[in-house]
């Protein structure tokens, strides 16, 4: 994997979590600008998915197994969009909390992806 991309995805996910956590603390639901932030983080996660698949197709192998690497890679690409859809169903402050939790989960998945690849 590309270490810089993994770091960028993790840091942007934590920034999104802080932003949505702040909205939660101010009793605000997710707004349009939160969804723009979710889109940025999701695009970065999908870019990492593409890079991971290309690296696997090129013959590189993760240190702890291809199947678990792919599972974490797909899960990391789906974490924030899933939280975003759930926040649409919950238009209260808890929608912001859901997105914050999804973004923290993505950051944790990034650390695990780094470990699985052999970092």
Protein backbone atom coordinates (compact mmCIF):
# COMPACT_ATOMS: atom_id res chain seq x y z
CA UNK A 1 0.00 0.00 0.00
CA UNK A 2 0.97 3.61 -0.25
CA UNK A 3 1.75 4.78 3.27
CA UNK A 4 1.05 8.44 2.48
CA UNK A 5 -2.43 7.64 1.14
CA UNK A 6 -3.22 5.55 4.20
CA UNK A 7 -2.12 8.43 6.43
CA UNK A 8 -4.15 10.99 4.47
CA UNK A 9 -7.30 8.85 4.61
CA UNK A 10 -6.87 8.32 8.35
CA UNK A 11 -6.23 11.97 9.13
CA UNK A 12 -9.12 13.23 7.00
CA UNK A 13 -11.40 10.65 8.61
CA UNK A 14 -10.40 11.91 12.06
CA UNK A 15 -10.96 15.51 10.94
CA UNK A 16 -14.44 14.55 9.74
CA UNK A 17 -15.09 12.80 13.05
CA UNK A 18 -14.07 15.90 14.98
CA UNK A 19 -16.19 18.14 12.76
CA UNK A 20 -19.30 15.98 13.11
CA UNK A 21 -18.59 15.48 16.81
CA UNK A 22 -18.56 19.24 17.20
CA UNK A 23 -21.91 19.45 15.40
CA UNK A 24 -23.23 16.76 17.76
CA UNK A 25 -22.06 18.75 20.78
CA UNK A 26 -23.91 21.82 19.44
CA UNK A 27 -27.10 19.78 18.97
CA UNK A 28 -26.98 19.99 15.16
CA UNK A 29 -27.84 17.40 12.56
CA UNK A 30 -25.66 16.74 9.54
CA UNK A 31 -25.77 19.58 7.04
CA UNK A 32 -24.84 19.80 3.37
CA UNK A 33 -21.26 20.78 4.14
CA UNK A 34 -20.88 17.67 6.29
CA UNK A 35 -21.91 15.61 3.27
CA UNK A 36 -19.26 17.38 1.20
CA UNK A 37 -16.70 16.35 3.82
CA UNK A 38 -18.02 12.80 3.72
CA UNK A 39 -17.68 12.82 -0.07
CA UNK A 40 -14.04 13.91 0.16
CA UNK A 41 -13.21 11.19 2.67
CA UNK A 42 -15.13 8.61 0.63
CA UNK A 43 -13.29 9.53 -2.58
CA UNK A 44 -9.98 9.09 -0.77
CA UNK A 45 -11.09 5.70 0.58
CA UNK A 46 -12.20 4.57 -2.89
CA UNK A 47 -8.84 5.74 -4.29
CA UNK A 48 -7.16 3.56 -1.69
CA UNK A 49 -9.39 0.66 -2.72
CA UNK A 50 -8.32 1.09 -6.33
CA UNK A 51 -4.64 1.33 -5.38
CA UNK A 52 -4.94 -1.78 -3.22
CA UNK A 53 -6.60 -3.82 -5.96
CA UNK A 54 -4.04 -2.64 -8.53
CA UNK A 55 -1.19 -3.59 -6.21
CA UNK A 56 -2.73 -7.04 -5.67
CA UNK A 57 -3.22 -7.48 -9.43
CA UNK A 58 0.40 -6.48 -9.95
CA UNK A 59 1.59 -9.36 -7.81
CA UNK A 60 2.19 -7.67 -4.45
CA UNK A 61 0.96 -9.62 -1.47
CA UNK A 62 -0.12 -8.38 1.96
CA UNK A 63 1.75 -9.80 4.92
CA UNK A 64 -1.31 -11.26 6.66
CA UNK A 65 -3.35 -12.63 3.76
CA UNK A 66 -5.16 -11.38 0.71
CA UNK A 67 -8.71 -12.26 1.79
CA UNK A 68 -8.57 -10.33 5.06
CA UNK A 69 -6.85 -7.43 3.30
CA UNK A 70 -9.62 -7.21 0.71
CA UNK A 71 -12.29 -7.44 3.41
CA UNK A 72 -10.78 -4.53 5.32
CA UNK A 73 -10.23 -2.58 2.10
CA UNK A 74 -13.87 -2.92 1.05
CA UNK A 75 -15.06 -2.18 4.58
CA UNK A 76 -12.99 0.98 4.74
CA UNK A 77 -14.46 2.20 1.45
CA UNK A 78 -18.00 1.56 2.74
CA UNK A 79 -17.71 2.90 6.31
CA UNK A 80 -18.36 6.60 5.74
CA UNK A 81 -21.00 6.24 2.99
CA UNK A 82 -22.94 3.83 5.21
CA UNK A 83 -22.76 6.27 8.12
CA UNK A 84 -23.86 9.07 5.81
CA UNK A 85 -26.94 7.15 4.68
CA UNK A 86 -27.80 6.35 8.29
CA UNK A 87 -27.48 10.03 9.20
CA UNK A 88 -30.05 10.86 6.51
CA UNK A 89 -32.53 8.65 8.33
CA UNK A 90 -31.75 10.32 11.66
CA UNK A 91 -32.09 14.07 11.13
CA UNK A 92 -31.25 14.97 14.73
CA UNK A 93 -27.94 15.44 16.51
CA UNK A 94 -27.59 11.66 16.53
CA UNK A 95 -27.09 11.72 12.78
CA UNK A 96 -23.92 13.76 13.36
CA UNK A 97 -22.85 11.29 16.03
CA UNK A 98 -23.36 8.43 13.57
CA UNK A 99 -21.10 10.06 10.99
CA UNK A 100 -18.49 10.81 13.65
CA UNK A 101 -18.52 7.17 14.72
CA UNK A 102 -18.26 5.98 11.11
CA UNK A 103 -15.28 8.25 10.52
CA UNK A 104 -13.52 6.96 13.66
CA UNK A 105 -14.17 3.42 12.45
CA UNK A 106 -12.56 4.32 9.12
CA UNK A 107 -9.49 5.68 10.89
CA UNK A 108 -9.17 2.46 12.89
CA UNK A 109 -9.60 0.39 9.72
CA UNK A 110 -6.77 2.38 8.14
CA UNK A 111 -4.42 1.44 10.98
CA UNK A 112 -5.44 -2.19 10.59
CA UNK A 113 -4.93 -2.06 6.80
CA UNK A 114 -1.42 -0.74 7.38
CA UNK A 115 -0.73 -3.64 9.76
CA UNK A 116 -2.19 -6.26 7.41
CA UNK A 117 -0.14 -5.03 4.47
CA UNK A 118 3.01 -5.43 6.52
CA UNK A 119 3.71 -1.94 7.81
